[in-house]
């Protein structure tokens, strides 16, 4: 009976484990972002080093849109996830030319990877 209960508990937790953030997978997702973004320097887009926790539109040396500067956002997990899913929907008038990443798992992995770049 004890083995049955343990097995049932592990089966119940399996979907949650499958949704865990994976920074290595997020690094692969970030490959598409490299066309515009880097860590440690601005490019077409702003430097993303230490982006999680940063107030939007504030990284020194990047020419942000007025919409991003005035967004009042701070890049935490939820805010970044909402933004990357639909950049123009989250901050209308921003300069980012990207339709959005729709896959929730890839977004979670990307956030995990960005957190390694502090």
Protein backbone atom coordinates (compact mmCIF):
# COMPACT_ATOMS: atom_id res chain seq x y z
CA UNK A 1 0.00 0.00 0.00
CA UNK A 2 2.83 2.37 0.86
CA UNK A 3 4.39 1.86 -2.59
CA UNK A 4 1.07 2.56 -4.28
CA UNK A 5 0.67 5.85 -2.41
CA UNK A 6 4.26 6.88 -3.15
CA UNK A 7 3.81 5.98 -6.82
CA UNK A 8 0.57 7.94 -7.04
CA UNK A 9 2.21 10.97 -5.42
CA UNK A 10 5.12 10.84 -7.87
CA UNK A 11 2.74 10.56 -10.82
CA UNK A 12 0.83 13.61 -9.59
CA UNK A 13 4.06 15.62 -9.39
CA UNK A 14 5.36 14.58 -12.83
CA UNK A 15 3.49 17.27 -14.82
CA UNK A 16 4.84 19.98 -12.51
CA UNK A 17 8.37 18.69 -12.91
CA UNK A 18 7.96 18.70 -16.69
CA UNK A 19 7.10 22.41 -16.51
CA UNK A 20 10.17 23.36 -14.46
CA UNK A 21 12.32 26.13 -15.87
CA UNK A 22 15.34 24.91 -17.83
CA UNK A 23 18.10 27.49 -18.34
CA UNK A 24 19.96 25.29 -20.85
CA UNK A 25 16.83 25.08 -23.00
CA UNK A 26 16.35 28.82 -22.50
CA UNK A 27 19.81 29.47 -23.91
CA UNK A 28 18.66 27.76 -27.11
CA UNK A 29 15.52 29.91 -27.16
CA UNK A 30 17.73 33.01 -26.72
CA UNK A 31 19.57 32.17 -29.96
CA UNK A 32 16.76 33.92 -31.88
CA UNK A 33 17.13 37.00 -29.65
CA UNK A 34 20.83 37.38 -30.49
CA UNK A 35 19.97 39.14 -33.74
CA UNK A 36 19.19 42.23 -31.67
CA UNK A 37 20.25 41.59 -28.05
CA UNK A 38 23.47 40.74 -26.23
CA UNK A 39 24.80 40.60 -22.69
CA UNK A 40 27.15 43.39 -21.72
CA UNK A 41 26.47 45.75 -24.62
CA UNK A 42 23.65 47.47 -26.44
CA UNK A 43 22.91 46.55 -30.02
CA UNK A 44 19.80 46.97 -32.11
CA UNK A 45 18.06 46.24 -28.81
CA UNK A 46 19.19 47.04 -25.28
CA UNK A 47 21.73 45.02 -23.29
CA UNK A 48 19.92 42.19 -21.50
CA UNK A 49 22.54 41.55 -18.81
CA UNK A 50 20.71 41.70 -15.47
CA UNK A 51 17.42 42.51 -17.20
CA UNK A 52 15.32 40.54 -14.69
CA UNK A 53 14.75 42.98 -11.85
CA UNK A 54 15.52 46.08 -13.94
CA UNK A 55 13.05 48.90 -14.50
CA UNK A 56 12.01 48.95 -18.17
CA UNK A 57 13.46 51.65 -20.38
CA UNK A 58 16.34 52.54 -18.08
CA UNK A 59 19.50 50.79 -19.29
CA UNK A 60 22.13 53.46 -19.83
CA UNK A 61 23.18 54.18 -23.40
CA UNK A 62 20.15 52.74 -25.18
CA UNK A 63 17.67 54.98 -26.99
CA UNK A 64 14.34 53.60 -25.76
CA UNK A 65 10.96 54.58 -27.16
CA UNK A 66 8.90 56.97 -25.07
CA UNK A 67 6.39 54.14 -24.62
CA UNK A 68 9.00 51.90 -22.97
CA UNK A 69 10.49 54.70 -20.87
CA UNK A 70 7.02 55.60 -19.59
CA UNK A 71 5.69 52.05 -19.21
CA UNK A 72 6.29 51.88 -15.47
CA UNK A 73 7.21 48.20 -15.82
CA UNK A 74 9.86 46.31 -13.92
CA UNK A 75 11.10 43.13 -15.57
CA UNK A 76 10.13 40.35 -13.18
CA UNK A 77 9.21 36.82 -14.33
CA UNK A 78 5.51 37.55 -14.93
CA UNK A 79 5.98 40.94 -16.58
CA UNK A 80 8.72 39.72 -18.91
CA UNK A 81 6.66 36.63 -19.78
CA UNK A 82 3.62 38.74 -20.67
CA UNK A 83 5.78 41.13 -22.68
CA UNK A 84 7.68 38.53 -24.71
CA UNK A 85 4.41 36.78 -25.55
CA UNK A 86 3.04 39.97 -27.17
CA UNK A 87 5.48 42.92 -27.09
CA UNK A 88 3.22 45.39 -28.92
CA UNK A 89 0.21 44.35 -26.86
CA UNK A 90 2.02 44.79 -23.55
CA UNK A 91 3.74 48.10 -24.44
CA UNK A 92 2.06 49.73 -27.41
CA UNK A 93 4.49 51.95 -29.29
CA UNK A 94 7.69 50.18 -28.25
CA UNK A 95 10.47 49.73 -30.83
CA UNK A 96 10.83 45.96 -30.66
CA UNK A 97 10.01 44.36 -34.01
CA UNK A 98 9.07 40.89 -32.81
CA UNK A 99 5.67 39.20 -33.05
CA UNK A 100 6.12 37.35 -29.77
CA UNK A 101 6.96 33.96 -28.32
CA UNK A 102 3.74 32.04 -27.74
CA UNK A 103 5.07 28.81 -26.16
CA UNK A 104 4.78 29.10 -22.34
CA UNK A 105 7.46 26.46 -21.70
CA UNK A 106 9.96 28.26 -23.95
CA UNK A 107 9.14 31.53 -22.20
CA UNK A 108 9.77 29.93 -18.78
CA UNK A 109 13.06 28.52 -20.03
CA UNK A 110 14.08 31.88 -21.51
CA UNK A 111 13.40 33.61 -18.19
CA UNK A 112 15.48 30.97 -16.40
CA UNK A 113 18.34 31.62 -18.82
CA UNK A 114 18.10 35.40 -18.47
CA UNK A 115 18.37 34.97 -14.70
CA UNK A 116 21.75 33.29 -15.19
CA UNK A 117 23.00 36.45 -16.91
CA UNK A 118 23.13 38.69 -13.84
